[in-house]
Amino acid sequence: MEEIARAKLNLALHVRGREPDGYHRIETLFAFCEHGDVLRVDEGEGLSLALEGPYGGALAAEPDNLVLRAARALRDRFAVRNGATLTLDKRLPVASGIGGGSADAAAALRLLTSWWGLAASEADLLEIARLLGADVPACVLSRTARGSGRGDALVEVDLPGLAGTAALLVNPGVPVPTGPVFRAWGGVDGGSLPEDFRLGRNDLQVPAIHVAPIIADTLAWLESRPGATLVRMSGSGATCFALFEDETRRDAAAADLAVARPDWWGMATRLC
């Protein structure tokens, strides 16, 4: 049995303020891609996790992967006695602003609920997810939603024409930890997220460029692609994305990327 940990995009992200505890209030529009990491499960004693894929090695040194934390939380909540052997095919770059570990943890909750045959509702999974990280609840849904608070107060939205939109995700190969980017935010509230996300912005884009200037090059490259209708950074970076008029122009951009910047990671996909 397997589950896709879908790549998350912040189509817009407005930072509204910094709380006394250091967390930030945000307003964002989450969207999800058809592709991402892949998590598999099989019989096993206890809970174990094997890592593979092009970015599996980047997680090997982690003492306690978020996937295992999610699995233990679900097991404890429902008093599960069975074990599970998990294998994560890590295809998305780490510390890249597209969900990564949060999407993997969410996939573990969904996958093990089915594997163990639990009578867990989506509300149950969301309750567990909120204890694991601000983006994990949105990744549990993996459906288009507006997020507020820390990003975990969610309202699903239906945006006609968004599903199936061709997208190209590009990462210049520089991991960008979230903390330094949020700390570099200037502290000015630029206003609420509009109904039309295309009129919004990502308030973390400029701070992220200060942390990793190559993000500006990535955005400029995407903006120069024919057929790109919206170019932005996702989350706190460094992954940037372009939405395209059609898959033909997206695929042409992906082919250009492979030639022009073979050292950059790219993923041609569609929005769910």
Protein backbone atom coordinates (compact mmCIF):
# COMPACT_ATOMS: atom_id res chain seq x y z
CA MET A 1 0.00 0.00 0.00
CA GLU A 2 1.36 3.45 -0.80
CA GLU A 3 0.41 7.11 -0.53
CA ILE A 4 1.61 10.21 -2.40
CA ALA A 5 2.92 13.00 -0.19
CA ARG A 6 1.86 15.75 -2.56
CA ALA A 7 4.07 18.80 -3.01
CA LYS A 8 2.51 21.86 -1.39
CA LEU A 9 2.46 25.29 -2.99
CA ASN A 10 1.69 28.60 -1.32
CA LEU A 11 0.06 30.41 -4.22
CA ALA A 12 0.17 33.52 -2.03
CA LEU A 13 1.49 34.08 1.49
CA HIS A 14 0.89 37.24 3.52
CA VAL A 15 2.63 37.66 6.86
CA ARG A 16 0.36 39.71 9.11
CA GLY A 17 2.36 39.92 12.34
CA ARG A 18 4.80 38.40 14.78
CA GLU A 19 3.42 36.96 18.03
CA PRO A 20 5.16 37.28 21.42
CA ASP A 21 6.02 33.56 21.33
CA GLY A 22 7.99 34.08 18.12
CA TYR A 23 5.44 32.53 15.77
CA HIS A 24 3.97 34.55 12.91
CA ARG A 25 0.37 35.10 11.87
CA ILE A 26 -0.07 34.41 8.20
CA GLU A 27 -2.74 34.25 5.53
CA THR A 28 -2.01 31.87 2.70
CA LEU A 29 -3.62 29.92 -0.12
CA PHE A 30 -2.49 26.30 -0.16
CA ALA A 31 -2.61 24.27 -3.35
CA PHE A 32 -1.26 20.80 -4.02
CA CYS A 33 0.45 19.09 -6.92
CA GLU A 34 -0.24 15.72 -8.47
CA HIS A 35 3.34 14.60 -7.71
CA GLY A 36 5.51 14.42 -4.61
CA ASP A 37 7.26 11.96 -2.34
CA VAL A 38 5.91 8.40 -2.15
CA LEU A 39 5.42 6.57 1.15
CA ARG A 40 4.96 2.78 1.21
CA VAL A 41 4.00 0.45 4.05
CA ASP A 42 4.43 -3.27 4.66
CA GLU A 43 4.22 -5.71 7.57
CA GLY A 44 6.78 -5.24 10.30
CA GLU A 45 7.53 -5.48 14.00
CA GLY A 46 7.35 -2.13 15.72
CA LEU A 47 7.66 1.01 13.60
CA SER A 48 10.58 1.50 11.23
CA LEU A 49 11.41 3.83 8.36
CA ALA A 50 13.73 3.25 5.42
CA LEU A 51 14.81 6.13 3.21
CA GLU A 52 15.43 5.98 -0.52
CA GLY A 53 15.17 8.22 -3.57
CA PRO A 54 17.32 11.15 -4.71
CA TYR A 55 16.88 13.08 -1.45
CA GLY A 56 16.67 10.21 1.01
CA GLY A 57 20.27 10.69 2.03
CA ALA A 58 19.56 14.25 3.14
CA LEU A 59 17.31 12.87 5.90
CA ALA A 60 19.56 10.02 7.01
CA ALA A 61 21.13 12.02 9.85
CA GLU A 62 17.80 13.04 11.38
CA PRO A 63 17.46 11.43 14.81
CA ASP A 64 13.65 11.34 14.66
CA ASN A 65 11.98 11.74 11.28
CA LEU A 66 8.59 13.48 11.22
CA VAL A 67 7.10 10.42 9.51
CA LEU A 68 7.88 8.27 12.54
CA ARG A 69 6.57 10.94 14.91
CA ALA A 70 3.29 10.96 12.97
CA ALA A 71 3.14 7.16 12.98
CA ARG A 72 3.72 6.97 16.73
CA ALA A 73 1.13 9.68 17.42
CA LEU A 74 -1.49 7.81 15.39
CA ARG A 75 -0.59 4.47 16.97
CA ASP A 76 -0.82 5.89 20.49
CA ARG A 77 -4.07 7.77 19.82
CA PHE A 78 -5.85 4.61 18.66
CA ALA A 79 -3.96 2.08 20.85
CA VAL A 80 -2.66 0.17 17.83
CA ARG A 81 -0.63 -2.93 18.63
CA ASN A 82 0.42 -3.83 15.10
CA GLY A 83 3.67 -2.60 13.64
CA ALA A 84 4.54 -1.24 10.21
CA THR A 85 7.59 -1.02 7.98
CA LEU A 86 7.58 2.31 6.15
CA THR A 87 9.68 3.25 3.14
CA LEU A 88 9.92 6.87 2.02
CA ASP A 89 10.90 7.52 -1.58
CA LYS A 90 12.16 11.07 -1.10
CA ARG A 91 11.77 12.87 -4.43
CA LEU A 92 11.27 16.45 -3.18
CA PRO A 93 14.22 18.56 -1.96
CA VAL A 94 14.42 19.12 1.77
CA ALA A 95 13.98 22.56 3.39
CA SER A 96 12.51 23.77 0.12
CA GLY A 97 9.15 25.42 0.91
CA ILE A 98 6.92 22.80 -0.72
CA GLY A 99 5.76 20.77 2.25
CA GLY A 100 8.45 18.10 2.31
CA GLY A 101 8.45 16.70 5.82
CA SER A 102 4.94 18.01 6.54
CA ALA A 103 3.56 16.26 3.45
CA ASP A 104 5.41 13.06 4.40
CA ALA A 105 3.96 13.14 7.93
CA ALA A 106 0.47 13.76 6.56
CA ALA A 107 0.88 10.87 4.12
CA ALA A 108 1.88 8.64 7.04
CA LEU A 109 -1.32 9.53 8.90
CA ARG A 110 -3.50 8.78 5.86
CA LEU A 111 -1.61 5.64 4.86
CA LEU A 112 -1.48 4.02 8.31
CA THR A 113 -5.14 4.82 8.95
CA SER A 114 -5.95 2.63 5.94
CA TRP A 115 -3.25 0.02 6.65
CA TRP A 116 -4.36 -0.51 10.25
CA GLY A 117 -8.05 -0.23 9.36
CA LEU A 118 -8.68 2.55 11.86
CA ALA A 119 -12.02 4.29 12.31
CA ALA A 120 -10.24 7.65 12.24
CA SER A 121 -12.03 10.60 10.71
CA GLU A 122 -10.32 13.40 8.85
CA ALA A 123 -11.02 15.57 11.90
CA ASP A 124 -9.10 13.06 14.04
CA LEU A 125 -6.14 13.22 11.69
CA LEU A 126 -6.22 17.02 11.66
CA GLU A 127 -6.14 17.07 15.45
CA ILE A 128 -3.01 14.91 15.46
CA ALA A 129 -1.50 16.92 12.59
CA ARG A 130 -1.71 20.20 14.52
CA LEU A 131 0.67 18.75 17.10
CA LEU A 132 3.24 17.93 14.43
CA GLY A 133 3.66 21.24 12.60
CA ALA A 134 1.86 24.24 11.16
CA ASP A 135 1.74 22.89 7.57
CA VAL A 136 0.82 19.30 8.44
CA PRO A 137 -2.97 19.91 8.69
CA ALA A 138 -3.10 21.44 5.20
CA CYS A 139 -1.07 18.53 3.89
CA VAL A 140 -3.48 16.06 5.49
CA LEU A 141 -6.25 17.63 3.41
CA SER A 142 -4.08 18.04 0.30
CA ARG A 143 -6.90 20.15 -1.11
CA THR A 144 -7.00 23.85 -1.97
CA ALA A 145 -7.57 25.84 1.20
CA ARG A 146 -7.01 29.24 2.75
CA GLY A 147 -4.90 29.06 5.88
CA SER A 148 -4.71 31.60 8.68
CA GLY A 149 -3.21 31.82 12.16
CA ARG A 150 -0.02 29.81 11.92
CA GLY A 151 -1.40 28.35 8.70
CA ASP A 152 -3.31 25.59 10.47
CA ALA A 153 -6.73 27.29 10.61
CA LEU A 154 -8.12 26.05 7.31
CA VAL A 155 -11.09 26.86 5.10
CA GLU A 156 -11.41 24.86 1.90
CA VAL A 157 -12.07 26.88 -1.24
CA ASP A 158 -13.22 25.98 -4.72
CA LEU A 159 -11.40 27.96 -7.38
CA PRO A 160 -12.86 27.09 -10.79
CA GLY A 161 -10.21 26.31 -13.36
CA LEU A 162 -7.36 25.82 -10.87
CA ALA A 163 -7.37 22.02 -10.89
CA GLY A 164 -5.33 20.71 -13.80
CA THR A 165 -3.30 23.90 -14.18
CA ALA A 166 0.15 23.09 -15.58
CA ALA A 167 2.96 23.97 -13.20
CA LEU A 168 6.74 23.79 -13.12
CA LEU A 169 8.54 23.72 -9.78
CA VAL A 170 12.21 24.71 -9.72
CA ASN A 171 14.70 24.61 -6.86
CA PRO A 172 18.24 25.95 -7.30
CA GLY A 173 19.71 23.36 -4.97
CA VAL A 174 20.04 25.54 -1.88
CA PRO A 175 18.26 24.41 1.31
CA VAL A 176 16.64 27.37 3.07
CA PRO A 177 15.64 26.82 6.73
CA THR A 178 12.37 28.50 7.65
CA GLY A 179 13.59 30.25 10.81
CA PRO A 180 16.14 32.65 9.29
CA VAL A 181 13.68 33.70 6.57
CA PHE A 182 10.92 34.56 9.03
CA ARG A 183 13.42 36.42 11.21
CA ALA A 184 14.45 38.47 8.18
CA TRP A 185 10.84 39.57 7.55
CA GLY A 186 10.67 43.34 7.97
CA GLY A 187 7.71 43.35 10.37
CA VAL A 188 5.40 45.48 8.20
CA ASP A 189 1.88 44.16 7.67
CA GLY A 190 1.17 44.63 3.97
CA GLY A 191 -2.52 43.77 4.23
CA SER A 192 -4.79 40.77 3.95
CA LEU A 193 -4.82 38.11 1.26
CA PRO A 194 -7.23 39.10 -1.55
CA GLU A 195 -9.82 36.73 -2.94
CA ASP A 196 -7.84 36.52 -6.18
CA PHE A 197 -4.51 34.98 -5.18
CA ARG A 198 -2.90 36.36 -8.34
CA LEU A 199 -3.25 39.83 -6.82
CA GLY A 200 -1.48 38.66 -3.68
CA ARG A 201 2.20 38.13 -2.98
CA ASN A 202 4.64 36.10 -0.93
CA ASP A 203 5.92 38.30 1.89
CA LEU A 204 8.76 35.85 2.54
CA GLN A 205 10.14 36.15 -0.99
CA VAL A 206 12.33 39.22 -0.36
CA PRO A 207 13.67 37.96 3.00
CA ALA A 208 14.43 34.58 1.42
CA ILE A 209 16.39 36.27 -1.37
CA HIS A 210 18.48 38.01 1.30
CA VAL A 211 19.23 34.58 2.79
CA ALA A 212 19.76 32.86 -0.59
CA PRO A 213 20.25 35.35 -3.46
CA ILE A 214 20.06 32.59 -6.07
CA ILE A 215 16.28 32.58 -5.53
CA ALA A 216 16.13 35.85 -7.48
CA ASP A 217 17.88 34.13 -10.41
CA THR A 218 15.38 31.26 -10.22
CA LEU A 219 12.41 33.62 -10.34
CA ALA A 220 13.91 35.58 -13.22
CA TRP A 221 14.50 32.40 -15.21
CA LEU A 222 10.90 31.28 -14.72
CA GLU A 223 9.53 34.71 -15.59
CA SER A 224 11.33 34.55 -18.92
CA ARG A 225 9.56 31.32 -19.96
CA PRO A 226 6.92 31.68 -22.69
CA GLY A 227 3.43 30.87 -21.44
CA ALA A 228 4.14 31.47 -17.74
CA THR A 229 1.12 33.23 -16.22
CA LEU A 230 2.24 33.46 -12.58
CA VAL A 231 5.70 33.13 -11.05
CA ARG A 232 6.32 33.08 -7.30
CA MET A 233 8.33 31.49 -4.55
CA SER A 234 6.54 28.92 -2.39
CA GLY A 235 6.62 29.07 1.39
CA SER A 236 9.94 30.27 2.76
CA GLY A 237 11.84 28.99 -0.30
CA ALA A 238 13.91 28.13 -2.08
CA THR A 239 11.52 26.39 -4.46
CA CYS A 240 9.84 28.69 -6.98
CA PHE A 241 7.01 27.84 -9.33
CA ALA A 242 5.43 28.99 -12.55
CA LEU A 243 1.85 28.34 -13.61
CA PHE A 244 1.48 27.94 -17.36
CA GLU A 245 -1.16 28.47 -20.01
CA ASP A 246 -0.86 24.83 -21.07
CA GLU A 247 1.22 21.70 -20.64
CA THR A 248 3.02 22.16 -23.95
CA ARG A 249 4.64 25.41 -22.81
CA ARG A 250 5.33 23.95 -19.37
CA ASP A 251 7.07 20.95 -20.90
CA ALA A 252 9.13 23.23 -23.14
CA ALA A 253 10.23 25.16 -20.05
CA ALA A 254 11.13 21.91 -18.27
CA ALA A 255 13.20 20.82 -21.28
CA ASP A 256 14.96 24.19 -21.32
CA LEU A 257 15.73 23.87 -17.60
CA ALA A 258 17.38 20.48 -18.07
CA VAL A 259 19.75 22.02 -20.64
CA ALA A 260 20.33 25.46 -19.15
CA ARG A 261 20.52 24.52 -15.46
CA PRO A 262 21.13 20.77 -15.08
CA ASP A 263 22.24 21.41 -11.49
CA TRP A 264 18.77 22.72 -10.54
CA TRP A 265 15.89 20.45 -9.55
CA GLY A 266 12.69 20.70 -11.54
CA MET A 267 9.31 18.97 -11.50
CA ALA A 268 6.68 19.29 -14.19
CA THR A 269 3.26 18.64 -12.68
CA ARG A 270 -0.33 19.84 -12.46
CA LEU A 271 -2.36 21.28 -9.62
CA CYS A 272 -4.88 18.93 -8.03
